[in-house]
PDB file of all heavy atoms in Angstrom:
ATOM      1  N   ALA A   1     -11.274  -7.967  12.960  1.00  0.00           N
ATOM      2  CA  ALA A   1     -11.935  -9.120  13.562  1.00  0.00           C
ATOM      3  C   ALA A   1     -12.446  -8.808  14.962  1.00  0.00           C
ATOM      4  O   ALA A   1     -13.501  -9.313  15.378  1.00  0.00           O
ATOM      5  CB  ALA A   1     -10.958 -10.294  13.613  1.00  0.00           C
ATOM      6  N   GLY A   2     -11.701  -7.991  15.723  1.00  0.00           N
ATOM      7  CA  GLY A   2     -12.153  -7.630  17.061  1.00  0.00           C
ATOM      8  C   GLY A   2     -13.444  -6.839  17.028  1.00  0.00           C
ATOM      9  O   GLY A   2     -14.344  -7.059  17.858  1.00  0.00           O
ATOM     10  N   LEU A   3     -13.551  -5.909  16.097  1.00  0.00           N
ATOM     11  CA  LEU A   3     -14.777  -5.120  15.966  1.00  0.00           C
ATOM     12  C   LEU A   3     -15.927  -6.000  15.498  1.00  0.00           C
ATOM     13  O   LEU A   3     -17.063  -5.855  15.975  1.00  0.00           O
ATOM     14  CB  LEU A   3     -14.539  -3.972  14.985  1.00  0.00           C
ATOM     15  CG  LEU A   3     -15.694  -2.994  14.786  1.00  0.00           C
ATOM     16  CD1 LEU A   3     -16.033  -2.287  16.092  1.00  0.00           C
ATOM     17  CD2 LEU A   3     -15.350  -1.971  13.696  1.00  0.00           C
ATOM     18  N   ALA A   4     -15.634  -6.898  14.563  1.00  0.00           N
ATOM     19  CA  ALA A   4     -16.677  -7.814  14.084  1.00  0.00           C
ATOM     20  C   ALA A   4     -17.199  -8.684  15.219  1.00  0.00           C
ATOM     21  O   ALA A   4     -18.412  -8.934  15.336  1.00  0.00           O
ATOM     22  CB  ALA A   4     -16.122  -8.681  12.957  1.00  0.00           C
ATOM     23  N   ARG A   5     -16.311  -9.153  16.072  1.00  0.00           N
ATOM     24  CA  ARG A   5     -16.730  -9.979  17.204  1.00  0.00           C
ATOM     25  C   ARG A   5     -17.563  -9.168  18.193  1.00  0.00           C
ATOM     26  O   ARG A   5     -18.553  -9.653  18.734  1.00  0.00           O
ATOM     27  CB  ARG A   5     -15.489 -10.555  17.885  1.00  0.00           C
ATOM     28  CG  ARG A   5     -15.798 -11.483  19.048  1.00  0.00           C
ATOM     29  CD  ARG A   5     -14.551 -12.169  19.565  1.00  0.00           C
ATOM     30  NE  ARG A   5     -13.539 -11.211  19.997  1.00  0.00           N
ATOM     31  CZ  ARG A   5     -12.417 -10.954  19.330  1.00  0.00           C
ATOM     32  NH1 ARG A   5     -12.165 -11.558  18.178  1.00  0.00           N
ATOM     33  NH2 ARG A   5     -11.541 -10.078  19.797  1.00  0.00           N
ATOM     34  N   GLN A   6     -17.154  -7.914  18.422  1.00  0.00           N
ATOM     35  CA  GLN A   6     -17.864  -7.076  19.392  1.00  0.00           C
ATOM     36  C   GLN A   6     -19.270  -6.741  18.913  1.00  0.00           C
ATOM     37  O   GLN A   6     -20.215  -6.685  19.711  1.00  0.00           O
ATOM     38  CB  GLN A   6     -17.077  -5.798  19.640  1.00  0.00           C
ATOM     39  CG  GLN A   6     -17.663  -4.909  20.715  1.00  0.00           C
ATOM     40  CD  GLN A   6     -16.762  -3.714  21.014  1.00  0.00           C
ATOM     41  OE1 GLN A   6     -15.651  -3.621  20.498  1.00  0.00           O
ATOM     42  NE2 GLN A   6     -17.243  -2.815  21.837  1.00  0.00           N
ATOM     43  N   LEU A   7     -19.427  -6.543  17.600  1.00  0.00           N
ATOM     44  CA  LEU A   7     -20.728  -6.167  17.043  1.00  0.00           C
ATOM     45  C   LEU A   7     -21.492  -7.364  16.501  1.00  0.00           C
ATOM     46  O   LEU A   7     -22.568  -7.187  15.916  1.00  0.00           O
ATOM     47  CB  LEU A   7     -20.546  -5.121  15.936  1.00  0.00           C
ATOM     48  CG  LEU A   7     -19.874  -3.812  16.350  1.00  0.00           C
ATOM     49  CD1 LEU A   7     -19.794  -2.853  15.165  1.00  0.00           C
ATOM     50  CD2 LEU A   7     -20.616  -3.162  17.505  1.00  0.00           C
ATOM     51  N   ARG A   8     -20.936  -8.583  16.676  1.00  0.00           N
ATOM     52  CA  ARG A   8     -21.580  -9.822  16.226  1.00  0.00           C
ATOM     53  C   ARG A   8     -21.835  -9.784  14.718  1.00  0.00           C
ATOM     54  O   ARG A   8     -22.931 -10.090  14.240  1.00  0.00           O
ATOM     55  CB  ARG A   8     -22.898 -10.058  16.966  1.00  0.00           C
ATOM     56  CG  ARG A   8     -22.851  -9.917  18.473  1.00  0.00           C
ATOM     57  CD  ARG A   8     -21.909 -10.905  19.126  1.00  0.00           C
ATOM     58  NE  ARG A   8     -22.092 -10.965  20.566  1.00  0.00           N
ATOM     59  CZ  ARG A   8     -21.467 -10.209  21.446  1.00  0.00           C
ATOM     60  NH1 ARG A   8     -20.585  -9.311  21.039  1.00  0.00           N
ATOM     61  NH2 ARG A   8     -21.688 -10.349  22.755  1.00  0.00           N
ATOM     62  N   LEU A   9     -20.804  -9.431  13.962  1.00  0.00           N
ATOM     63  CA  LEU A   9     -20.936  -9.281  12.519  1.00  0.00           C
ATOM     64  C   LEU A   9     -20.212 -10.388  11.772  1.00  0.00           C
ATOM     65  O   LEU A   9     -19.170 -10.877  12.220  1.00  0.00           O
ATOM     66  CB  LEU A   9     -20.374  -7.930  12.066  1.00  0.00           C
ATOM     67  CG  LEU A   9     -21.182  -6.694  12.425  1.00  0.00           C
ATOM     68  CD1 LEU A   9     -20.373  -5.425  12.136  1.00  0.00           C
ATOM     69  CD2 LEU A   9     -22.498  -6.670  11.645  1.00  0.00           C
ATOM     70  N   GLY A  10     -20.744 -10.763  10.632  1.00  0.00           N
ATOM     71  CA  GLY A  10     -20.111 -11.701   9.728  1.00  0.00           C
ATOM     72  C   GLY A  10     -20.162 -11.157   8.313  1.00  0.00           C
ATOM     73  O   GLY A  10     -20.723 -10.083   8.054  1.00  0.00           O
ATOM     74  N   ILE A  11     -19.580 -11.897   7.384  1.00  0.00           N
ATOM     75  CA  ILE A  11     -19.597 -11.474   5.984  1.00  0.00           C
ATOM     76  C   ILE A  11     -21.041 -11.398   5.489  1.00  0.00           C
ATOM     77  O   ILE A  11     -21.842 -12.324   5.690  1.00  0.00           O
ATOM     78  CB  ILE A  11     -18.789 -12.460   5.114  1.00  0.00           C
ATOM     79  CG1 ILE A  11     -17.325 -12.497   5.575  1.00  0.00           C
ATOM     80  CG2 ILE A  11     -18.866 -12.067   3.642  1.00  0.00           C
ATOM     81  CD1 ILE A  11     -16.614 -11.171   5.469  1.00  0.00           C
ATOM     82  N   GLY A  12     -21.373 -10.276   4.858  1.00  0.00           N
ATOM     83  CA  GLY A  12     -22.717 -10.062   4.337  1.00  0.00           C
ATOM     84  C   GLY A  12     -23.627  -9.296   5.270  1.00  0.00           C
ATOM     85  O   GLY A  12     -24.674  -8.788   4.826  1.00  0.00           O
ATOM     86  N   ASP A  13     -23.267  -9.189   6.553  1.00  0.00           N
ATOM     87  CA  ASP A  13     -24.076  -8.408   7.491  1.00  0.00           C
ATOM     88  C   ASP A  13     -23.867  -6.916   7.243  1.00  0.00           C
ATOM     89  O   ASP A  13     -22.896  -6.498   6.609  1.00  0.00           O
ATOM     90  CB  ASP A  13     -23.704  -8.751   8.934  1.00  0.00           C
ATOM     91  CG  ASP A  13     -24.061 -10.183   9.304  1.00  0.00           C
ATOM     92  OD1 ASP A  13     -24.932 -10.756   8.626  1.00  0.00           O
ATOM     93  OD2 ASP A  13     -23.448 -10.720  10.247  1.00  0.00           O
ATOM     94  N   THR A  14     -24.767  -6.120   7.776  1.00  0.00           N
ATOM     95  CA  THR A  14     -24.714  -4.670   7.569  1.00  0.00           C
ATOM     96  C   THR A  14     -24.255  -3.975   8.843  1.00  0.00           C
ATOM     97  O   THR A  14     -24.747  -4.269   9.943  1.00  0.00           O
ATOM     98  CB  THR A  14     -26.093  -4.122   7.163  1.00  0.00           C
ATOM     99  OG1 THR A  14     -26.492  -4.716   5.925  1.00  0.00           O
ATOM    100  CG2 THR A  14     -26.037  -2.603   6.994  1.00  0.00           C
ATOM    101  N   ILE A  15     -23.304  -3.071   8.691  1.00  0.00           N
ATOM    102  CA  ILE A  15     -22.830  -2.259   9.795  1.00  0.00           C
ATOM    103  C   ILE A  15     -23.265  -0.816   9.555  1.00  0.00           C
ATOM    104  O   ILE A  15     -23.182  -0.303   8.436  1.00  0.00           O
ATOM    105  CB  ILE A  15     -21.290  -2.342   9.932  1.00  0.00           C
ATOM    106  CG1 ILE A  15     -20.824  -1.531  11.145  1.00  0.00           C
ATOM    107  CG2 ILE A  15     -20.582  -1.882   8.672  1.00  0.00           C
ATOM    108  CD1 ILE A  15     -19.339  -1.714  11.458  1.00  0.00           C
ATOM    109  N   THR A  16     -23.777  -0.176  10.583  1.00  0.00           N
ATOM    110  CA  THR A  16     -24.241   1.209  10.476  1.00  0.00           C
ATOM    111  C   THR A  16     -23.199   2.143  11.066  1.00  0.00           C
ATOM    112  O   THR A  16     -22.758   1.954  12.207  1.00  0.00           O
ATOM    113  CB  THR A  16     -25.572   1.393  11.227  1.00  0.00           C
ATOM    114  OG1 THR A  16     -26.558   0.507  10.674  1.00  0.00           O
ATOM    115  CG2 THR A  16     -26.057   2.829  11.111  1.00  0.00           C
ATOM    116  N   LEU A  17     -22.800   3.147  10.271  1.00  0.00           N
ATOM    117  CA  LEU A  17     -21.809   4.133  10.699  1.00  0.00           C
ATOM    118  C   LEU A  17     -22.500   5.463  10.926  1.00  0.00           C
ATOM    119  O   LEU A  17     -23.273   5.937  10.066  1.00  0.00           O
ATOM    120  CB  LEU A  17     -20.708   4.278   9.650  1.00  0.00           C
ATOM    121  CG  LEU A  17     -19.974   2.997   9.237  1.00  0.00           C
ATOM    122  CD1 LEU A  17     -18.853   3.321   8.267  1.00  0.00           C
ATOM    123  CD2 LEU A  17     -19.439   2.257  10.458  1.00  0.00           C
ATOM    124  N   ILE A  18     -22.206   6.072  12.063  1.00  0.00           N
ATOM    125  CA  ILE A  18     -22.827   7.342  12.429  1.00  0.00           C
ATOM    126  C   ILE A  18     -21.724   8.360  12.663  1.00  0.00           C
ATOM    127  O   ILE A  18     -20.848   8.166  13.518  1.00  0.00           O
ATOM    128  CB  ILE A  18     -23.690   7.200  13.697  1.00  0.00           C
ATOM    129  CG1 ILE A  18     -24.721   6.091  13.513  1.00  0.00           C
ATOM    130  CG2 ILE A  18     -24.356   8.527  14.047  1.00  0.00           C
ATOM    131  CD1 ILE A  18     -25.459   5.733  14.789  1.00  0.00           C
ATOM    132  N   SER A  19     -21.762   9.453  11.899  1.00  0.00           N
ATOM    133  CA  SER A  19     -20.767  10.516  12.039  1.00  0.00           C
ATOM    134  C   SER A  19     -21.459  11.808  12.463  1.00  0.00           C
ATOM    135  O   SER A  19     -22.475  12.186  11.875  1.00  0.00           O
ATOM    136  CB  SER A  19     -20.023  10.744  10.721  1.00  0.00           C
ATOM    137  OG  SER A  19     -19.200  11.895  10.804  1.00  0.00           O
ATOM    138  N   PRO A  20     -20.921  12.511  13.464  1.00  0.00           N
ATOM    139  CA  PRO A  20     -21.543  13.784  13.874  1.00  0.00           C
ATOM    140  C   PRO A  20     -21.355  14.875  12.828  1.00  0.00           C
ATOM    141  O   PRO A  20     -22.108  15.847  12.813  1.00  0.00           O
ATOM    142  CB  PRO A  20     -20.821  14.126  15.174  1.00  0.00           C
ATOM    143  CG  PRO A  20     -19.496  13.424  15.062  1.00  0.00           C
ATOM    144  CD  PRO A  20     -19.773  12.167  14.299  1.00  0.00           C
ATOM    145  N   ASP A  21     -20.330  14.726  11.982  1.00  0.00           N
ATOM    146  CA  ASP A  21     -20.086  15.734  10.938  1.00  0.00           C
ATOM    147  C   ASP A  21     -20.840  15.327   9.687  1.00  0.00           C
ATOM    148  O   ASP A  21     -20.280  14.767   8.735  1.00  0.00           O
ATOM    149  CB  ASP A  21     -18.589  15.857  10.655  1.00  0.00           C
ATOM    150  CG  ASP A  21     -17.819  16.307  11.878  1.00  0.00           C
ATOM    151  OD1 ASP A  21     -18.371  17.094  12.658  1.00  0.00           O
ATOM    152  OD2 ASP A  21     -16.678  15.843  12.058  1.00  0.00           O
ATOM    153  N   GLY A  22     -22.139  15.593   9.685  1.00  0.00           N
ATOM    154  CA  GLY A  22     -22.972  15.148   8.579  1.00  0.00           C
ATOM    155  C   GLY A  22     -23.419  16.282   7.681  1.00  0.00           C
ATOM    156  O   GLY A  22     -22.646  17.176   7.337  1.00  0.00           O
ATOM    157  N   LEU A  23     -24.694  16.258   7.354  1.00  0.00           N
ATOM    158  CA  LEU A  23     -25.252  17.233   6.423  1.00  0.00           C
ATOM    159  C   LEU A  23     -25.424  18.598   7.093  1.00  0.00           C
ATOM    160  O   LEU A  23     -25.809  18.693   8.257  1.00  0.00           O
ATOM    161  CB  LEU A  23     -26.609  16.734   5.916  1.00  0.00           C
ATOM    162  CG  LEU A  23     -26.602  15.415   5.118  1.00  0.00           C
ATOM    163  CD1 LEU A  23     -28.035  14.984   4.824  1.00  0.00           C
ATOM    164  CD2 LEU A  23     -25.813  15.587   3.836  1.00  0.00           C
ATOM    165  N   GLN A  24     -25.109  19.636   6.324  1.00  0.00           N
ATOM    166  CA  GLN A  24     -25.301  21.007   6.788  1.00  0.00           C
ATOM    167  C   GLN A  24     -26.710  21.459   6.400  1.00  0.00           C
ATOM    168  O   GLN A  24     -27.069  21.474   5.218  1.00  0.00           O
ATOM    169  CB  GLN A  24     -24.258  21.931   6.160  1.00  0.00           C
ATOM    170  CG  GLN A  24     -22.823  21.571   6.512  1.00  0.00           C
ATOM    171  CD  GLN A  24     -22.514  21.814   7.973  1.00  0.00           C
ATOM    172  OE1 GLN A  24     -23.139  22.656   8.619  1.00  0.00           O
ATOM    173  NE2 GLN A  24     -21.545  21.064   8.500  1.00  0.00           N
ATOM    174  N   THR A  25     -27.532  21.811   7.360  1.00  0.00           N
ATOM    175  CA  THR A  25     -28.899  22.275   7.116  1.00  0.00           C
ATOM    176  C   THR A  25     -29.097  23.640   7.771  1.00  0.00           C
ATOM    177  O   THR A  25     -28.236  24.123   8.513  1.00  0.00           O
ATOM    178  CB  THR A  25     -29.923  21.270   7.682  1.00  0.00           C
ATOM    179  OG1 THR A  25     -29.815  21.256   9.105  1.00  0.00           O
ATOM    180  CG2 THR A  25     -29.658  19.863   7.145  1.00  0.00           C
ATOM    181  N   VAL A  26     -30.233  24.247   7.516  1.00  0.00           N
ATOM    182  CA  VAL A  26     -30.527  25.543   8.119  1.00  0.00           C
ATOM    183  C   VAL A  26     -30.639  25.429   9.635  1.00  0.00           C
ATOM    184  O   VAL A  26     -30.480  26.408  10.361  1.00  0.00           O
ATOM    185  CB  VAL A  26     -31.839  26.123   7.536  1.00  0.00           C
ATOM    186  CG1 VAL A  26     -31.657  26.460   6.058  1.00  0.00           C
ATOM    187  CG2 VAL A  26     -32.985  25.139   7.718  1.00  0.00           C
ATOM    188  N   ALA A  27     -30.927  24.230  10.105  1.00  0.00           N
ATOM    189  CA  ALA A  27     -31.059  24.016  11.550  1.00  0.00           C
ATOM    190  C   ALA A  27     -29.736  23.617  12.191  1.00  0.00           C
ATOM    191  O   ALA A  27     -29.674  23.387  13.393  1.00  0.00           O
ATOM    192  CB  ALA A  27     -32.108  22.947  11.814  1.00  0.00           C
ATOM    193  N   GLY A  28     -28.671  23.516  11.373  1.00  0.00           N
ATOM    194  CA  GLY A  28     -27.376  23.105  11.904  1.00  0.00           C
ATOM    195  C   GLY A  28     -26.878  21.846  11.216  1.00  0.00           C
ATOM    196  O   GLY A  28     -27.346  21.495  10.122  1.00  0.00           O
ATOM    197  N   THR A  29     -25.971  21.187  11.859  1.00  0.00           N
ATOM    198  CA  THR A  29     -25.387  19.970  11.301  1.00  0.00           C
ATOM    199  C   THR A  29     -26.116  18.750  11.842  1.00  0.00           C
ATOM    200  O   THR A  29     -26.245  18.574  13.056  1.00  0.00           O
ATOM    201  CB  THR A  29     -23.896  19.856  11.673  1.00  0.00           C
ATOM    202  OG1 THR A  29     -23.212  21.010  11.195  1.00  0.00           O
ATOM    203  CG2 THR A  29     -23.280  18.614  11.055  1.00  0.00           C
ATOM    204  N   SER A  30     -26.622  17.947  10.929  1.00  0.00           N
ATOM    205  CA  SER A  30     -27.296  16.715  11.340  1.00  0.00           C
ATOM    206  C   SER A  30     -26.347  15.539  11.147  1.00  0.00           C
ATOM    207  O   SER A  30     -25.579  15.514  10.187  1.00  0.00           O
ATOM    208  CB  SER A  30     -28.569  16.500  10.508  1.00  0.00           C
ATOM    209  OG  SER A  30     -28.226  16.334   9.133  1.00  0.00           O
ATOM    210  N   PRO A  31     -26.359  14.581  12.050  1.00  0.00           N
ATOM    211  CA  PRO A  31     -25.465  13.431  11.924  1.00  0.00           C
ATOM    212  C   PRO A  31     -25.723  12.671  10.623  1.00  0.00           C
ATOM    213  O   PRO A  31     -26.863  12.591  10.149  1.00  0.00           O
ATOM    214  CB  PRO A  31     -25.810  12.568  13.146  1.00  0.00           C
ATOM    215  CG  PRO A  31     -26.452  13.511  14.109  1.00  0.00           C
ATOM    216  CD  PRO A  31     -27.177  14.511  13.276  1.00  0.00           C
ATOM    217  N   ARG A  32     -24.653  12.123  10.067  1.00  0.00           N
ATOM    218  CA  ARG A  32     -24.791  11.312   8.865  1.00  0.00           C
ATOM    219  C   ARG A  32     -24.829   9.838   9.284  1.00  0.00           C
ATOM    220  O   ARG A  32     -23.964   9.381  10.038  1.00  0.00           O
ATOM    221  CB  ARG A  32     -23.625  11.547   7.906  1.00  0.00           C
ATOM    222  CG  ARG A  32     -23.791  10.814   6.564  1.00  0.00           C
ATOM    223  CD  ARG A  32     -22.555  10.998   5.708  1.00  0.00           C
ATOM    224  NE  ARG A  32     -22.376  12.380   5.338  1.00  0.00           N
ATOM    225  CZ  ARG A  32     -22.931  12.974   4.276  1.00  0.00           C
ATOM    226  NH1 ARG A  32     -23.738  12.275   3.491  1.00  0.00           N
ATOM    227  NH2 ARG A  32     -22.698  14.233   4.012  1.00  0.00           N
ATOM    228  N   VAL A  33     -25.813   9.127   8.816  1.00  0.00           N
ATOM    229  CA  VAL A  33     -25.992   7.714   9.154  1.00  0.00           C
ATOM    230  C   VAL A  33     -26.074   6.920   7.868  1.00  0.00           C
ATOM    231  O   VAL A  33     -26.989   7.138   7.054  1.00  0.00           O
ATOM    232  CB  VAL A  33     -27.259   7.485  10.005  1.00  0.00           C
ATOM    233  CG1 VAL A  33     -27.387   6.003  10.363  1.00  0.00           C
ATOM    234  CG2 VAL A  33     -27.243   8.345  11.253  1.00  0.00           C
ATOM    235  N   ASN A  34     -25.124   5.991   7.680  1.00  0.00           N
ATOM    236  CA  ASN A  34     -25.114   5.138   6.499  1.00  0.00           C
ATOM    237  C   ASN A  34     -24.893   3.686   6.909  1.00  0.00           C
ATOM    238  O   ASN A  34     -24.179   3.409   7.881  1.00  0.00           O
ATOM    239  CB  ASN A  34     -24.004   5.545   5.526  1.00  0.00           C
ATOM    240  CG  ASN A  34     -24.386   6.755   4.694  1.00  0.00           C
ATOM    241  OD1 ASN A  34     -25.467   7.313   4.840  1.00  0.00           O
ATOM    242  ND2 ASN A  34     -23.477   7.170   3.816  1.00  0.00           N
ATOM    243  N   GLY A  35     -25.494   2.792   6.184  1.00  0.00           N
ATOM    244  CA  GLY A  35     -25.276   1.361   6.397  1.00  0.00           C
ATOM    245  C   GLY A  35     -24.480   0.770   5.255  1.00  0.00           C
ATOM    246  O   GLY A  35     -24.688   1.128   4.084  1.00  0.00           O
ATOM    247  N   TYR A  36     -23.545  -0.130   5.589  1.00  0.00           N
ATOM    248  CA  TYR A  36     -22.685  -0.748   4.576  1.00  0.00           C
ATOM    249  C   TYR A  36     -22.588  -2.249   4.827  1.00  0.00           C
ATOM    250  O   TYR A  36     -22.493  -2.684   5.999  1.00  0.00           O
ATOM    251  CB  TYR A  36     -21.268  -0.166   4.623  1.00  0.00           C
ATOM    252  CG  TYR A  36     -21.198   1.318   4.352  1.00  0.00           C
ATOM    253  CD1 TYR A  36     -21.184   2.232   5.417  1.00  0.00           C
ATOM    254  CD2 TYR A  36     -21.145   1.816   3.058  1.00  0.00           C
ATOM    255  CE1 TYR A  36     -21.117   3.589   5.182  1.00  0.00           C
ATOM    256  CE2 TYR A  36     -21.077   3.186   2.814  1.00  0.00           C
ATOM    257  CZ  TYR A  36     -21.063   4.064   3.883  1.00  0.00           C
ATOM    258  OH  TYR A  36     -20.989   5.418   3.647  1.00  0.00           O
ATOM    259  N   PRO A  37     -22.587  -3.038   3.776  1.00  0.00           N
ATOM    260  CA  PRO A  37     -22.384  -4.482   3.963  1.00  0.00           C
ATOM    261  C   PRO A  37     -20.919  -4.788   4.279  1.00  0.00           C
ATOM    262  O   PRO A  37     -20.013  -4.125   3.763  1.00  0.00           O
ATOM    263  CB  PRO A  37     -22.785  -5.074   2.609  1.00  0.00           C
ATOM    264  CG  PRO A  37     -22.551  -3.964   1.631  1.00  0.00           C
ATOM    265  CD  PRO A  37     -22.855  -2.684   2.367  1.00  0.00           C
ATOM    266  N   VAL A  38     -20.696  -5.766   5.135  1.00  0.00           N
ATOM    267  CA  VAL A  38     -19.337  -6.197   5.467  1.00  0.00           C
ATOM    268  C   VAL A  38     -18.880  -7.205   4.413  1.00  0.00           C
ATOM    269  O   VAL A  38     -19.484  -8.277   4.270  1.00  0.00           O
ATOM    270  CB  VAL A  38     -19.283  -6.823   6.871  1.00  0.00           C
ATOM    271  CG1 VAL A  38     -17.884  -7.340   7.182  1.00  0.00           C
ATOM    272  CG2 VAL A  38     -19.724  -5.813   7.921  1.00  0.00           C
ATOM    273  N   VAL A  39     -17.811  -6.864   3.686  1.00  0.00           N
ATOM    274  CA  VAL A  39     -17.328  -7.741   2.621  1.00  0.00           C
ATOM    275  C   VAL A  39     -15.980  -8.375   2.953  1.00  0.00           C
ATOM    276  O   VAL A  39     -15.550  -9.307   2.273  1.00  0.00           O
ATOM    277  CB  VAL A  39     -17.210  -6.962   1.288  1.00  0.00           C
ATOM    278  CG1 VAL A  39     -18.580  -6.453   0.850  1.00  0.00           C
ATOM    279  CG2 VAL A  39     -16.224  -5.798   1.408  1.00  0.00           C
ATOM    280  N   HIS A  40     -15.332  -7.885   4.004  1.00  0.00           N
ATOM    281  CA  HIS A  40     -13.994  -8.400   4.334  1.00  0.00           C
ATOM    282  C   HIS A  40     -13.735  -8.173   5.819  1.00  0.00           C
ATOM    283  O   HIS A  40     -14.038  -7.102   6.355  1.00  0.00           O
ATOM    284  CB  HIS A  40     -12.925  -7.682   3.495  1.00  0.00           C
ATOM    285  CG  HIS A  40     -11.529  -8.145   3.757  1.00  0.00           C
ATOM    286  ND1 HIS A  40     -10.574  -7.352   4.373  1.00  0.00           N
ATOM    287  CD2 HIS A  40     -10.917  -9.328   3.486  1.00  0.00           C
ATOM    288  CE1 HIS A  40      -9.436  -8.025   4.455  1.00  0.00           C
ATOM    289  NE2 HIS A  40      -9.616  -9.217   3.935  1.00  0.00           N
ATOM    290  N   ILE A  41     -13.212  -9.206   6.491  1.00  0.00           N
ATOM    291  CA  ILE A  41     -12.848  -9.112   7.911  1.00  0.00           C
ATOM    292  C   ILE A  41     -11.395  -9.557   8.033  1.00  0.00           C
ATOM    293  O   ILE A  41     -11.028 -10.636   7.571  1.00  0.00           O
ATOM    294  CB  ILE A  41     -13.752  -9.990   8.790  1.00  0.00           C
ATOM    295  CG1 ILE A  41     -15.217  -9.538   8.674  1.00  0.00           C
ATOM    296  CG2 ILE A  41     -13.295  -9.935  10.243  1.00  0.00           C
ATOM    297  CD1 ILE A  41     -16.191 -10.445   9.415  1.00  0.00           C
ATOM    298  N   PHE A  42     -10.573  -8.729   8.667  1.00  0.00           N
ATOM    299  CA  PHE A  42      -9.149  -9.033   8.780  1.00  0.00           C
ATOM    300  C   PHE A  42      -8.742  -9.134  10.256  1.00  0.00           C
ATOM    301  O   PHE A  42      -9.363  -8.546  11.132  1.00  0.00           O
ATOM    302  CB  PHE A  42      -8.305  -7.949   8.101  1.00  0.00           C
ATOM    303  CG  PHE A  42      -8.550  -6.569   8.624  1.00  0.00           C
ATOM    304  CD1 PHE A  42      -7.916  -6.096   9.772  1.00  0.00           C
ATOM    305  CD2 PHE A  42      -9.439  -5.704   7.971  1.00  0.00           C
ATOM    306  CE1 PHE A  42      -8.153  -4.826  10.266  1.00  0.00           C
ATOM    307  CE2 PHE A  42      -9.685  -4.429   8.451  1.00  0.00           C
ATOM    308  CZ  PHE A  42      -9.037  -3.991   9.608  1.00  0.00           C
ATOM    309  N   LYS A  43      -7.684  -9.899  10.481  1.00  0.00           N
ATOM    310  CA  LYS A  43      -7.071  -9.999  11.808  1.00  0.00           C
ATOM    311  C   LYS A  43      -5.563  -9.903  11.618  1.00  0.00           C
ATOM    312  O   LYS A  43      -4.939 -10.786  11.038  1.00  0.00           O
ATOM    313  CB  LYS A  43      -7.424 -11.323  12.488  1.00  0.00           C
ATOM    314  CG  LYS A  43      -6.791 -11.478  13.868  1.00  0.00           C
ATOM    315  CD  LYS A  43      -7.121 -12.829  14.485  1.00  0.00           C
ATOM    316  CE  LYS A  43      -6.459 -12.975  15.851  1.00  0.00           C
ATOM    317  NZ  LYS A  43      -6.715 -14.300  16.455  1.00  0.00           N
ATOM    318  N   VAL A  44      -4.966  -8.824  12.132  1.00  0.00           N
ATOM    319  CA  VAL A  44      -3.527  -8.608  11.958  1.00  0.00           C
ATOM    320  C   VAL A  44      -2.735  -8.923  13.224  1.00  0.00           C
ATOM    321  O   VAL A  44      -1.507  -8.975  13.189  1.00  0.00           O
ATOM    322  CB  VAL A  44      -3.231  -7.157  11.508  1.00  0.00           C
ATOM    323  CG1 VAL A  44      -3.982  -6.821  10.241  1.00  0.00           C
ATOM    324  CG2 VAL A  44      -3.572  -6.159  12.618  1.00  0.00           C
ATOM    325  N   GLY A  45      -3.428  -9.116  14.353  1.00  0.00           N
ATOM    326  CA  GLY A  45      -2.728  -9.475  15.586  1.00  0.00           C
ATOM    327  C   GLY A  45      -2.507  -8.339  16.555  1.00  0.00           C
ATOM    328  O   GLY A  45      -1.889  -8.535  17.600  1.00  0.00           O
ATOM    329  N   ARG A  46      -3.007  -7.145  16.232  1.00  0.00           N
ATOM    330  CA  ARG A  46      -2.946  -6.005  17.152  1.00  0.00           C
ATOM    331  C   ARG A  46      -4.363  -5.702  17.607  1.00  0.00           C
ATOM    332  O   ARG A  46      -5.251  -5.432  16.788  1.00  0.00           O
ATOM    333  CB  ARG A  46      -2.338  -4.773  16.484  1.00  0.00           C
ATOM    334  CG  ARG A  46      -0.825  -4.792  16.398  1.00  0.00           C
ATOM    335  CD  ARG A  46      -0.314  -3.422  15.973  1.00  0.00           C
ATOM    336  NE  ARG A  46      -0.680  -2.398  16.929  1.00  0.00           N
ATOM    337  CZ  ARG A  46       0.068  -2.052  17.982  1.00  0.00           C
ATOM    338  NH1 ARG A  46       1.212  -2.655  18.184  1.00  0.00           N
ATOM    339  NH2 ARG A  46      -0.333  -1.106  18.795  1.00  0.00           N
TER     340      ARG A  46
END
């Protein structure tokens, strides 16, 4: 829930994840960028 609040996200919105350890190419490693819909938001109290 804290991350959802920080990124202004709700159920059904799309969050984009960027990882530096992406695809291996002849030019080196390119970041992997994927978008995913938010289907569940939890708050555990930490």
